[in-house]
Amino acid sequence: MKGTNLGELQELVMLTVGMLYDDAYGVSIKDEIEKQSGRRVTLSTIHAALNRLEDKGYLNSRMGGASEERGGRPKRLFRVTAYGKQVLEESRQMRNRMWDLIPRIAWRNI
């Protein structure tokens, strides 16, 4: 699994791209992360993460149609690739394994 580890923000971005499915673009991803996590993120941070994730092959993108609300500019829409889905599933399995290995006594007296 070396080389496929996701940082927290990268994982949030990929999960959000999956949630938004056909409407995942920079602003919608930023807004959804803020809504779901209560965490403020900048659009440039989201774009940097999207570019890194696409470079790694976890996401792909295509240009959507231009709209008047965006001044005629098209949106760059993202989707999770099959490889990205595999990496997300591995991340979830690793977290679940670690949660399951915490002995119950560790949570007492906290």
PDB file of N, CA and C in Angstrom:
ATOM      1  N   MET A   1       0.819  -1.194   0.000  1.00  0.00           N
ATOM      2  CA  MET A   1       0.000   0.000   0.000  1.00  0.00           C
ATOM      3  C   MET A   1       0.862   1.256   0.000  1.00  0.00           C
ATOM      4  N   LYS A   2       2.171   1.109   0.095  1.00  0.00           N
ATOM      5  CA  LYS A   2       3.042   2.269   0.097  1.00  0.00           C
ATOM      6  C   LYS A   2       2.833   3.081  -1.178  1.00  0.00           C
ATOM      7  N   GLY A   3       2.742   4.393  -1.003  1.00  0.00           N
ATOM      8  CA  GLY A   3       2.569   5.271  -2.148  1.00  0.00           C
ATOM      9  C   GLY A   3       1.128   5.573  -2.470  1.00  0.00           C
ATOM     10  N   THR A   4       0.192   4.886  -1.830  1.00  0.00           N
ATOM     11  CA  THR A   4      -1.219   5.170  -2.092  1.00  0.00           C
ATOM     12  C   THR A   4      -1.906   5.786  -0.882  1.00  0.00           C
ATOM     13  N   ASN A   5      -1.154   6.103   0.157  1.00  0.00           N
ATOM     14  CA  ASN A   5      -1.769   6.686   1.341  1.00  0.00           C
ATOM     15  C   ASN A   5      -2.371   8.040   1.018  1.00  0.00           C
ATOM     16  N   LEU A   6      -3.541   8.280   1.585  1.00  0.00           N
ATOM     17  CA  LEU A   6      -4.224   9.550   1.368  1.00  0.00           C
ATOM     18  C   LEU A   6      -4.101  10.416   2.610  1.00  0.00           C
ATOM     19  N   GLY A   7      -3.862  11.705   2.398  1.00  0.00           N
ATOM     20  CA  GLY A   7      -3.939  12.653   3.497  1.00  0.00           C
ATOM     21  C   GLY A   7      -5.413  12.906   3.801  1.00  0.00           C
ATOM     22  N   GLU A   8      -5.682  13.521   4.955  1.00  0.00           N
ATOM     23  CA  GLU A   8      -7.064  13.750   5.359  1.00  0.00           C
ATOM     24  C   GLU A   8      -7.825  14.586   4.332  1.00  0.00           C
ATOM     25  N   LEU A   9      -7.229  15.680   3.885  1.00  0.00           N
ATOM     26  CA  LEU A   9      -7.926  16.542   2.912  1.00  0.00           C
ATOM     27  C   LEU A   9      -8.127  15.806   1.592  1.00  0.00           C
ATOM     28  N   GLN A  10      -7.120  15.059   1.157  1.00  0.00           N
ATOM     29  CA  GLN A  10      -7.270  14.300  -0.091  1.00  0.00           C
ATOM     30  C   GLN A  10      -8.417  13.302   0.009  1.00  0.00           C
ATOM     31  N   GLU A  11      -8.518  12.650   1.155  1.00  0.00           N
ATOM     32  CA  GLU A  11      -9.613  11.691   1.338  1.00  0.00           C
ATOM     33  C   GLU A  11     -10.961  12.418   1.332  1.00  0.00           C
ATOM     34  N   LEU A  12     -11.033  13.558   2.014  1.00  0.00           N
ATOM     35  CA  LEU A  12     -12.283  14.339   2.014  1.00  0.00           C
ATOM     36  C   LEU A  12     -12.651  14.777   0.597  1.00  0.00           C
ATOM     37  N   VAL A  13     -11.675  15.217  -0.166  1.00  0.00           N
ATOM     38  CA  VAL A  13     -11.942  15.663  -1.543  1.00  0.00           C
ATOM     39  C   VAL A  13     -12.452  14.494  -2.382  1.00  0.00           C
ATOM     40  N   MET A  14     -11.793  13.335  -2.267  1.00  0.00           N
ATOM     41  CA  MET A  14     -12.233  12.184  -3.071  1.00  0.00           C
ATOM     42  C   MET A  14     -13.628  11.717  -2.670  1.00  0.00           C
ATOM     43  N   LEU A  15     -13.899  11.676  -1.369  1.00  0.00           N
ATOM     44  CA  LEU A  15     -15.233  11.275  -0.920  1.00  0.00           C
ATOM     45  C   LEU A  15     -16.287  12.271  -1.413  1.00  0.00           C
ATOM     46  N   THR A  16     -15.948  13.539  -1.385  1.00  0.00           N
ATOM     47  CA  THR A  16     -16.890  14.570  -1.838  1.00  0.00           C
ATOM     48  C   THR A  16     -17.123  14.479  -3.339  1.00  0.00           C
ATOM     49  N   VAL A  17     -16.075  14.212  -4.092  1.00  0.00           N
ATOM     50  CA  VAL A  17     -16.247  14.016  -5.548  1.00  0.00           C
ATOM     51  C   VAL A  17     -17.202  12.848  -5.790  1.00  0.00           C
ATOM     52  N   GLY A  18     -17.039  11.785  -5.016  1.00  0.00           N
ATOM     53  CA  GLY A  18     -17.947  10.653  -5.144  1.00  0.00           C
ATOM     54  C   GLY A  18     -19.376  11.020  -4.777  1.00  0.00           C
ATOM     55  N   MET A  19     -19.540  11.780  -3.693  1.00  0.00           N
ATOM     56  CA  MET A  19     -20.884  12.192  -3.253  1.00  0.00           C
ATOM     57  C   MET A  19     -21.574  13.049  -4.300  1.00  0.00           C
ATOM     58  N   LEU A  20     -20.821  13.966  -4.900  1.00  0.00           N
ATOM     59  CA  LEU A  20     -21.417  14.911  -5.855  1.00  0.00           C
ATOM     60  C   LEU A  20     -21.600  14.298  -7.237  1.00  0.00           C
ATOM     61  N   TYR A  21     -20.941  13.195  -7.475  1.00  0.00           N
ATOM     62  CA  TYR A  21     -20.993  12.436  -8.718  1.00  0.00           C
ATOM     63  C   TYR A  21     -20.859  13.323  -9.955  1.00  0.00           C
ATOM     64  N   ASP A  22     -21.940  13.658 -10.625  1.00  0.00           N
ATOM     65  CA  ASP A  22     -21.845  14.376 -11.905  1.00  0.00           C
ATOM     66  C   ASP A  22     -21.775  15.890 -11.750  1.00  0.00           C
ATOM     67  N   ASP A  23     -21.709  16.379 -10.525  1.00  0.00           N
ATOM     68  CA  ASP A  23     -21.669  17.828 -10.301  1.00  0.00           C
ATOM     69  C   ASP A  23     -20.488  18.207  -9.410  1.00  0.00           C
ATOM     70  N   ALA A  24     -19.384  17.473  -9.547  1.00  0.00           N
ATOM     71  CA  ALA A  24     -18.207  17.719  -8.718  1.00  0.00           C
ATOM     72  C   ALA A  24     -17.233  18.645  -9.444  1.00  0.00           C
ATOM     73  N   TYR A  25     -17.229  19.902  -9.060  1.00  0.00           N
ATOM     74  CA  TYR A  25     -16.259  20.879  -9.578  1.00  0.00           C
ATOM     75  C   TYR A  25     -15.759  21.690  -8.396  1.00  0.00           C
ATOM     76  N   GLY A  26     -14.753  22.502  -8.609  1.00  0.00           N
ATOM     77  CA  GLY A  26     -14.065  23.177  -7.509  1.00  0.00           C
ATOM     78  C   GLY A  26     -14.967  23.789  -6.449  1.00  0.00           C
ATOM     79  N   VAL A  27     -15.871  24.658  -6.855  1.00  0.00           N
ATOM     80  CA  VAL A  27     -16.706  25.372  -5.882  1.00  0.00           C
ATOM     81  C   VAL A  27     -17.675  24.413  -5.182  1.00  0.00           C
ATOM     82  N   SER A  28     -18.277  23.495  -5.931  1.00  0.00           N
ATOM     83  CA  SER A  28     -19.234  22.572  -5.295  1.00  0.00           C
ATOM     84  C   SER A  28     -18.521  21.664  -4.295  1.00  0.00           C
ATOM     85  N   ILE A  29     -17.294  21.263  -4.607  1.00  0.00           N
ATOM     86  CA  ILE A  29     -16.522  20.417  -3.691  1.00  0.00           C
ATOM     87  C   ILE A  29     -16.174  21.200  -2.425  1.00  0.00           C
ATOM     88  N   LYS A  30     -15.710  22.427  -2.599  1.00  0.00           N
ATOM     89  CA  LYS A  30     -15.373  23.292  -1.452  1.00  0.00           C
ATOM     90  C   LYS A  30     -16.592  23.480  -0.558  1.00  0.00           C
ATOM     91  N   ASP A  31     -17.737  23.836  -1.156  1.00  0.00           N
ATOM     92  CA  ASP A  31     -18.957  24.081  -0.375  1.00  0.00           C
ATOM     93  C   ASP A  31     -19.412  22.826   0.368  1.00  0.00           C
ATOM     94  N   GLU A  32     -19.331  21.673  -0.290  1.00  0.00           N
ATOM     95  CA  GLU A  32     -19.793  20.430   0.343  1.00  0.00           C
ATOM     96  C   GLU A  32     -18.863  20.012   1.480  1.00  0.00           C
ATOM     97  N   ILE A  33     -17.565  20.192   1.309  1.00  0.00           N
ATOM     98  CA  ILE A  33     -16.633  19.866   2.404  1.00  0.00           C
ATOM     99  C   ILE A  33     -16.916  20.758   3.612  1.00  0.00           C
ATOM    100  N   GLU A  34     -17.158  22.037   3.366  1.00  0.00           N
ATOM    101  CA  GLU A  34     -17.453  22.947   4.474  1.00  0.00           C
ATOM    102  C   GLU A  34     -18.764  22.558   5.153  1.00  0.00           C
ATOM    103  N   LYS A  35     -19.761  22.170   4.365  1.00  0.00           N
ATOM    104  CA  LYS A  35     -21.057  21.765   4.908  1.00  0.00           C
ATOM    105  C   LYS A  35     -20.943  20.485   5.732  1.00  0.00           C
ATOM    106  N   GLN A  36     -20.234  19.504   5.208  1.00  0.00           N
ATOM    107  CA  GLN A  36     -20.150  18.203   5.866  1.00  0.00           C
ATOM    108  C   GLN A  36     -19.201  18.184   7.061  1.00  0.00           C
ATOM    109  N   SER A  37     -18.105  18.954   6.979  1.00  0.00           N
ATOM    110  CA  SER A  37     -17.085  18.864   8.024  1.00  0.00           C
ATOM    111  C   SER A  37     -17.039  20.075   8.945  1.00  0.00           C
ATOM    112  N   GLY A  38     -17.653  21.180   8.520  1.00  0.00           N
ATOM    113  CA  GLY A  38     -17.552  22.404   9.304  1.00  0.00           C
ATOM    114  C   GLY A  38     -16.175  23.041   9.195  1.00  0.00           C
ATOM    115  N   ARG A  39     -15.392  22.552   8.277  1.00  0.00           N
ATOM    116  CA  ARG A  39     -14.009  22.993   8.095  1.00  0.00           C
ATOM    117  C   ARG A  39     -13.947  23.963   6.918  1.00  0.00           C
ATOM    118  N   ARG A  40     -13.337  25.116   7.134  1.00  0.00           N
ATOM    119  CA  ARG A  40     -13.196  26.086   6.048  1.00  0.00           C
ATOM    120  C   ARG A  40     -11.979  25.729   5.206  1.00  0.00           C
ATOM    121  N   VAL A  41     -12.169  25.734   3.903  1.00  0.00           N
ATOM    122  CA  VAL A  41     -11.068  25.467   2.986  1.00  0.00           C
ATOM    123  C   VAL A  41     -11.110  26.509   1.875  1.00  0.00           C
ATOM    124  N   THR A  42      -9.965  26.811   1.330  1.00  0.00           N
ATOM    125  CA  THR A  42      -9.922  27.774   0.232  1.00  0.00           C
ATOM    126  C   THR A  42     -10.071  27.031  -1.097  1.00  0.00           C
ATOM    127  N   LEU A  43     -10.537  27.753  -2.083  1.00  0.00           N
ATOM    128  CA  LEU A  43     -10.704  27.160  -3.404  1.00  0.00           C
ATOM    129  C   LEU A  43      -9.348  26.742  -3.987  1.00  0.00           C
ATOM    130  N   SER A  44      -8.312  27.525  -3.706  1.00  0.00           N
ATOM    131  CA  SER A  44      -6.987  27.160  -4.234  1.00  0.00           C
ATOM    132  C   SER A  44      -6.474  25.868  -3.595  1.00  0.00           C
ATOM    133  N   THR A  45      -6.812  25.634  -2.328  1.00  0.00           N
ATOM    134  CA  THR A  45      -6.429  24.384  -1.663  1.00  0.00           C
ATOM    135  C   THR A  45      -7.141  23.206  -2.324  1.00  0.00           C
ATOM    136  N   ILE A  46      -8.421  23.400  -2.642  1.00  0.00           N
ATOM    137  CA  ILE A  46      -9.186  22.340  -3.302  1.00  0.00           C
ATOM    138  C   ILE A  46      -8.605  22.054  -4.689  1.00  0.00           C
ATOM    139  N   HIS A  47      -8.309  23.102  -5.439  1.00  0.00           N
ATOM    140  CA  HIS A  47      -7.756  22.894  -6.783  1.00  0.00           C
ATOM    141  C   HIS A  47      -6.402  22.195  -6.726  1.00  0.00           C
ATOM    142  N   ALA A  48      -5.571  22.548  -5.762  1.00  0.00           N
ATOM    143  CA  ALA A  48      -4.264  21.884  -5.629  1.00  0.00           C
ATOM    144  C   ALA A  48      -4.456  20.397  -5.332  1.00  0.00           C
ATOM    145  N   ALA A  49      -5.395  20.089  -4.430  1.00  0.00           N
ATOM    146  CA  ALA A  49      -5.662  18.681  -4.103  1.00  0.00           C
ATOM    147  C   ALA A  49      -6.221  17.947  -5.326  1.00  0.00           C
ATOM    148  N   LEU A  50      -7.137  18.574  -6.047  1.00  0.00           N
ATOM    149  CA  LEU A  50      -7.707  17.944  -7.238  1.00  0.00           C
ATOM    150  C   LEU A  50      -6.621  17.634  -8.273  1.00  0.00           C
ATOM    151  N   ASN A  51      -5.721  18.578  -8.480  1.00  0.00           N
ATOM    152  CA  ASN A  51      -4.643  18.369  -9.455  1.00  0.00           C
ATOM    153  C   ASN A  51      -3.727  17.222  -9.038  1.00  0.00           C
ATOM    154  N   ARG A  52      -3.381  17.169  -7.734  1.00  0.00           N
ATOM    155  CA  ARG A  52      -2.510  16.077  -7.244  1.00  0.00           C
ATOM    156  C   ARG A  52      -3.208  14.727  -7.382  1.00  0.00           C
ATOM    157  N   LEU A  53      -4.494  14.692  -7.042  1.00  0.00           N
ATOM    158  CA  LEU A  53      -5.240  13.436  -7.115  1.00  0.00           C
ATOM    159  C   LEU A  53      -5.411  12.980  -8.561  1.00  0.00           C
ATOM    160  N   GLU A  54      -5.581  13.920  -9.460  1.00  0.00           N
ATOM    161  CA  GLU A  54      -5.685  13.552 -10.871  1.00  0.00           C
ATOM    162  C   GLU A  54      -4.334  13.067 -11.392  1.00  0.00           C
ATOM    163  N   ASP A  55      -3.251  13.728 -10.969  1.00  0.00           N
ATOM    164  CA  ASP A  55      -1.901  13.282 -11.375  1.00  0.00           C
ATOM    165  C   ASP A  55      -1.618  11.850 -10.913  1.00  0.00           C
ATOM    166  N   LYS A  56      -2.146  11.478  -9.745  1.00  0.00           N
ATOM    167  CA  LYS A  56      -1.940  10.130  -9.208  1.00  0.00           C
ATOM    168  C   LYS A  56      -2.862   9.100  -9.851  1.00  0.00           C
ATOM    169  N   GLY A  57      -3.822   9.572 -10.645  1.00  0.00           N
ATOM    170  CA  GLY A  57      -4.747   8.653 -11.309  1.00  0.00           C
ATOM    171  C   GLY A  57      -5.958   8.296 -10.473  1.00  0.00           C
ATOM    172  N   TYR A  58      -6.172   8.999  -9.363  1.00  0.00           N
ATOM    173  CA  TYR A  58      -7.311   8.706  -8.490  1.00  0.00           C
ATOM    174  C   TYR A  58      -8.589   9.396  -8.986  1.00  0.00           C
ATOM    175  N   LEU A  59      -8.430  10.473  -9.737  1.00  0.00           N
ATOM    176  CA  LEU A  59      -9.560  11.222 -10.299  1.00  0.00           C
ATOM    177  C   LEU A  59      -9.286  11.458 -11.776  1.00  0.00           C
ATOM    178  N   ASN A  60     -10.353  11.672 -12.531  1.00  0.00           N
ATOM    179  CA  ASN A  60     -10.188  12.201 -13.880  1.00  0.00           C
ATOM    180  C   ASN A  60     -11.145  13.378 -14.032  1.00  0.00           C
ATOM    181  N   SER A  61     -10.919  14.173 -15.062  1.00  0.00           N
ATOM    182  CA  SER A  61     -11.753  15.365 -15.234  1.00  0.00           C
ATOM    183  C   SER A  61     -12.112  15.546 -16.697  1.00  0.00           C
ATOM    184  N   ARG A  62     -13.160  16.305 -16.878  1.00  0.00           N
ATOM    185  CA  ARG A  62     -13.606  16.670 -18.221  1.00  0.00           C
ATOM    186  C   ARG A  62     -14.214  18.055 -18.120  1.00  0.00           C
ATOM    187  N   MET A  63     -14.289  18.737 -19.237  1.00  0.00           N
ATOM    188  CA  MET A  63     -14.895  20.066 -19.244  1.00  0.00           C
ATOM    189  C   MET A  63     -16.397  19.924 -19.466  1.00  0.00           C
ATOM    190  N   GLY A  64     -17.184  20.578 -18.606  1.00  0.00           N
ATOM    191  CA  GLY A  64     -18.630  20.601 -18.758  1.00  0.00           C
ATOM    192  C   GLY A  64     -19.024  21.728 -19.693  1.00  0.00           C
ATOM    193  N   GLY A  65     -20.290  21.863 -19.939  1.00  0.00           N
ATOM    194  CA  GLY A  65     -20.778  22.924 -20.808  1.00  0.00           C
ATOM    195  C   GLY A  65     -20.690  24.286 -20.147  1.00  0.00           C
ATOM    196  N   ALA A  66     -20.562  25.302 -20.969  1.00  0.00           N
ATOM    197  CA  ALA A  66     -20.513  26.676 -20.468  1.00  0.00           C
ATOM    198  C   ALA A  66     -21.910  27.109 -20.043  1.00  0.00           C
ATOM    199  N   SER A  67     -21.975  27.954 -19.019  1.00  0.00           N
ATOM    200  CA  SER A  67     -23.273  28.459 -18.579  1.00  0.00           C
ATOM    201  C   SER A  67     -23.206  29.976 -18.428  1.00  0.00           C
ATOM    202  N   GLU A  68     -24.359  30.620 -18.531  1.00  0.00           N
ATOM    203  CA  GLU A  68     -24.404  32.084 -18.397  1.00  0.00           C
ATOM    204  C   GLU A  68     -24.051  32.502 -16.987  1.00  0.00           C
ATOM    205  N   GLU A  69     -24.460  31.687 -15.988  1.00  0.00           N
ATOM    206  CA  GLU A  69     -24.176  32.060 -14.593  1.00  0.00           C
ATOM    207  C   GLU A  69     -22.676  32.128 -14.324  1.00  0.00           C
ATOM    208  N   ARG A  70     -21.876  31.470 -15.109  1.00  0.00           N
ATOM    209  CA  ARG A  70     -20.418  31.511 -14.952  1.00  0.00           C
ATOM    210  C   ARG A  70     -19.769  32.382 -16.023  1.00  0.00           C
ATOM    211  N   GLY A  71     -20.551  33.257 -16.628  1.00  0.00           N
ATOM    212  CA  GLY A  71     -20.001  34.163 -17.633  1.00  0.00           C
ATOM    213  C   GLY A  71     -19.533  33.443 -18.881  1.00  0.00           C
ATOM    214  N   GLY A  72     -20.167  32.321 -19.184  1.00  0.00           N
ATOM    215  CA  GLY A  72     -19.812  31.576 -20.380  1.00  0.00           C
ATOM    216  C   GLY A  72     -18.640  30.642 -20.213  1.00  0.00           C
ATOM    217  N   ARG A  73     -18.105  30.546 -18.987  1.00  0.00           N
ATOM    218  CA  ARG A  73     -16.967  29.655 -18.752  1.00  0.00           C
ATOM    219  C   ARG A  73     -17.457  28.246 -18.402  1.00  0.00           C
ATOM    220  N   PRO A  74     -16.826  27.232 -18.957  1.00  0.00           N
ATOM    221  CA  PRO A  74     -17.222  25.864 -18.609  1.00  0.00           C
ATOM    222  C   PRO A  74     -16.651  25.441 -17.251  1.00  0.00           C
ATOM    223  N   LYS A  75     -17.288  24.464 -16.627  1.00  0.00           N
ATOM    224  CA  LYS A  75     -16.806  23.904 -15.362  1.00  0.00           C
ATOM    225  C   LYS A  75     -15.911  22.707 -15.676  1.00  0.00           C
ATOM    226  N   ARG A  76     -14.897  22.517 -14.839  1.00  0.00           N
ATOM    227  CA  ARG A  76     -14.066  21.315 -14.933  1.00  0.00           C
ATOM    228  C   ARG A  76     -14.647  20.316 -13.931  1.00  0.00           C
ATOM    229  N   LEU A  77     -15.249  19.273 -14.442  1.00  0.00           N
ATOM    230  CA  LEU A  77     -15.944  18.294 -13.601  1.00  0.00           C
ATOM    231  C   LEU A  77     -15.052  17.084 -13.332  1.00  0.00           C
ATOM    232  N   PHE A  78     -15.117  16.571 -12.105  1.00  0.00           N
ATOM    233  CA  PHE A  78     -14.250  15.469 -11.669  1.00  0.00           C
ATOM    234  C   PHE A  78     -15.062  14.228 -11.334  1.00  0.00           C
ATOM    235  N   ARG A  79     -14.417  13.079 -11.515  1.00  0.00           N
ATOM    236  CA  ARG A  79     -14.976  11.782 -11.105  1.00  0.00           C
ATOM    237  C   ARG A  79     -13.870  10.935 -10.515  1.00  0.00           C
ATOM    238  N   VAL A  80     -14.261  10.058  -9.607  1.00  0.00           N
ATOM    239  CA  VAL A  80     -13.316   9.107  -9.021  1.00  0.00           C
ATOM    240  C   VAL A  80     -13.091   7.991 -10.039  1.00  0.00           C
ATOM    241  N   THR A  81     -11.841   7.617 -10.254  1.00  0.00           N
ATOM    242  CA  THR A  81     -11.506   6.514 -11.165  1.00  0.00           C
ATOM    243  C   THR A  81     -11.637   5.176 -10.424  1.00  0.00           C
ATOM    244  N   ALA A  82     -11.544   4.091 -11.158  1.00  0.00           N
ATOM    245  CA  ALA A  82     -11.569   2.761 -10.530  1.00  0.00           C
ATOM    246  C   ALA A  82     -10.389   2.616  -9.567  1.00  0.00           C
ATOM    247  N   TYR A  83      -9.228   3.122  -9.954  1.00  0.00           N
ATOM    248  CA  TYR A  83      -8.057   3.084  -9.078  1.00  0.00           C
ATOM    249  C   TYR A  83      -8.286   3.941  -7.832  1.00  0.00           C
ATOM    250  N   GLY A  84      -8.903   5.111  -8.001  1.00  0.00           N
ATOM    251  CA  GLY A  84      -9.233   5.970  -6.863  1.00  0.00           C
ATOM    252  C   GLY A  84     -10.197   5.293  -5.907  1.00  0.00           C
ATOM    253  N   LYS A  85     -11.183   4.599  -6.446  1.00  0.00           N
ATOM    254  CA  LYS A  85     -12.134   3.868  -5.606  1.00  0.00           C
ATOM    255  C   LYS A  85     -11.416   2.794  -4.806  1.00  0.00           C
ATOM    256  N   GLN A  86     -10.492   2.097  -5.454  1.00  0.00           N
ATOM    257  CA  GLN A  86      -9.716   1.058  -4.765  1.00  0.00           C
ATOM    258  C   GLN A  86      -8.909   1.660  -3.616  1.00  0.00           C
ATOM    259  N   VAL A  87      -8.281   2.813  -3.857  1.00  0.00           N
ATOM    260  CA  VAL A  87      -7.477   3.468  -2.821  1.00  0.00           C
ATOM    261  C   VAL A  87      -8.365   3.927  -1.662  1.00  0.00           C
ATOM    262  N   LEU A  88      -9.548   4.461  -1.969  1.00  0.00           N
ATOM    263  CA  LEU A  88     -10.480   4.867  -0.907  1.00  0.00           C
ATOM    264  C   LEU A  88     -10.926   3.663  -0.079  1.00  0.00           C
ATOM    265  N   GLU A  89     -11.219   2.560  -0.752  1.00  0.00           N
ATOM    266  CA  GLU A  89     -11.650   1.359  -0.027  1.00  0.00           C
ATOM    267  C   GLU A  89     -10.535   0.830   0.868  1.00  0.00           C
ATOM    268  N   GLU A  90      -9.289   0.860   0.374  1.00  0.00           N
ATOM    269  CA  GLU A  90      -8.157   0.416   1.191  1.00  0.00           C
ATOM    270  C   GLU A  90      -7.994   1.307   2.425  1.00  0.00           C
ATOM    271  N   SER A  91      -8.185   2.601   2.235  1.00  0.00           N
ATOM    272  CA  SER A  91      -8.079   3.544   3.347  1.00  0.00           C
ATOM    273  C   SER A  91      -9.156   3.255   4.395  1.00  0.00           C
ATOM    274  N   ARG A  92     -10.385   3.026   3.934  1.00  0.00           N
ATOM    275  CA  ARG A  92     -11.479   2.728   4.862  1.00  0.00           C
ATOM    276  C   ARG A  92     -11.222   1.417   5.603  1.00  0.00           C
ATOM    277  N   GLN A  93     -10.758   0.403   4.882  1.00  0.00           N
ATOM    278  CA  GLN A  93     -10.489  -0.889   5.527  1.00  0.00           C
ATOM    279  C   GLN A  93      -9.398  -0.769   6.583  1.00  0.00           C
ATOM    280  N   MET A  94      -8.352   0.002   6.277  1.00  0.00           N
ATOM    281  CA  MET A  94      -7.282   0.184   7.240  1.00  0.00           C
ATOM    282  C   MET A  94      -7.803   0.876   8.500  1.00  0.00           C
ATOM    283  N   ARG A  95      -8.599   1.929   8.323  1.00  0.00           N
ATOM    284  CA  ARG A  95      -9.168   2.625   9.483  1.00  0.00           C
ATOM    285  C   ARG A  95     -10.071   1.699  10.292  1.00  0.00           C
ATOM    286  N   ASN A  96     -10.924   0.950   9.613  1.00  0.00           N
ATOM    287  CA  ASN A  96     -11.834   0.042  10.322  1.00  0.00           C
ATOM    288  C   ASN A  96     -11.063  -1.020  11.100  1.00  0.00           C
ATOM    289  N   ARG A  97      -9.996  -1.565  10.473  1.00  0.00           N
ATOM    290  CA  ARG A  97      -9.157  -2.563  11.168  1.00  0.00           C
ATOM    291  C   ARG A  97      -8.563  -1.973  12.432  1.00  0.00           C
ATOM    292  N   MET A  98      -8.055  -0.742  12.325  1.00  0.00           N
ATOM    293  CA  MET A  98      -7.431  -0.113  13.485  1.00  0.00           C
ATOM    294  C   MET A  98      -8.458   0.171  14.578  1.00  0.00           C
ATOM    295  N   TRP A  99      -9.659   0.646  14.206  1.00  0.00           N
ATOM    296  CA  TRP A  99     -10.728   0.867  15.191  1.00  0.00           C
ATOM    297  C   TRP A  99     -11.069  -0.436  15.898  1.00  0.00           C
ATOM    298  N   ASP A 100     -11.145  -1.517  15.116  1.00  0.00           N
ATOM    299  CA  ASP A 100     -11.513  -2.816  15.685  1.00  0.00           C
ATOM    300  C   ASP A 100     -10.433  -3.363  16.618  1.00  0.00           C
ATOM    301  N   LEU A 101      -9.206  -2.931  16.475  1.00  0.00           N
ATOM    302  CA  LEU A 101      -8.113  -3.432  17.305  1.00  0.00           C
ATOM    303  C   LEU A 101      -7.956  -2.679  18.628  1.00  0.00           C
ATOM    304  N   ILE A 102      -8.670  -1.591  18.794  1.00  0.00           N
ATOM    305  CA  ILE A 102      -8.600  -0.852  20.059  1.00  0.00           C
ATOM    306  C   ILE A 102      -9.374  -1.654  21.111  1.00  0.00           C
ATOM    307  N   PRO A 103      -8.703  -2.078  22.179  1.00  0.00           N
ATOM    308  CA  PRO A 103      -9.427  -2.836  23.199  1.00  0.00           C
ATOM    309  C   PRO A 103     -10.437  -1.946  23.921  1.00  0.00           C
ATOM    310  N   ARG A 104     -11.563  -2.540  24.281  1.00  0.00           N
ATOM    311  CA  ARG A 104     -12.626  -1.752  24.943  1.00  0.00           C
ATOM    312  C   ARG A 104     -12.115  -1.041  26.182  1.00  0.00           C
ATOM    313  N   ILE A 105     -11.192  -1.676  26.871  1.00  0.00           N
ATOM    314  CA  ILE A 105     -10.679  -1.077  28.107  1.00  0.00           C
ATOM    315  C   ILE A 105      -9.997   0.274  27.825  1.00  0.00           C
ATOM    316  N   ALA A 106      -9.506   0.430  26.602  1.00  0.00           N
ATOM    317  CA  ALA A 106      -8.829   1.681  26.262  1.00  0.00           C
ATOM    318  C   ALA A 106      -9.791   2.870  26.279  1.00  0.00           C
ATOM    319  N   TRP A 107     -11.080   2.608  26.088  1.00  0.00           N
ATOM    320  CA  TRP A 107     -12.071   3.700  26.053  1.00  0.00           C
ATOM    321  C   TRP A 107     -12.697   3.977  27.412  1.00  0.00           C
ATOM    322  N   ARG A 108     -12.471   3.060  28.368  1.00  0.00           N
ATOM    323  CA  ARG A 108     -13.013   3.293  29.715  1.00  0.00           C
ATOM    324  C   ARG A 108     -12.205   4.372  30.402  1.00  0.00           C
ATOM    325  N   ASN A 109     -12.833   5.047  31.307  1.00  0.00           N
ATOM    326  CA  ASN A 109     -12.181   6.095  32.117  1.00  0.00           C
ATOM    327  C   ASN A 109     -11.636   7.250  31.290  1.00  0.00           C
ATOM    328  N   ILE A 110     -12.245   7.461  30.139  1.00  0.00           N
ATOM    329  CA  ILE A 110     -11.826   8.634  29.348  1.00  0.00           C
ATOM    330  C   ILE A 110     -12.833   9.723  29.562  1.00  0.00           C
TER     331      ILE A 110
END
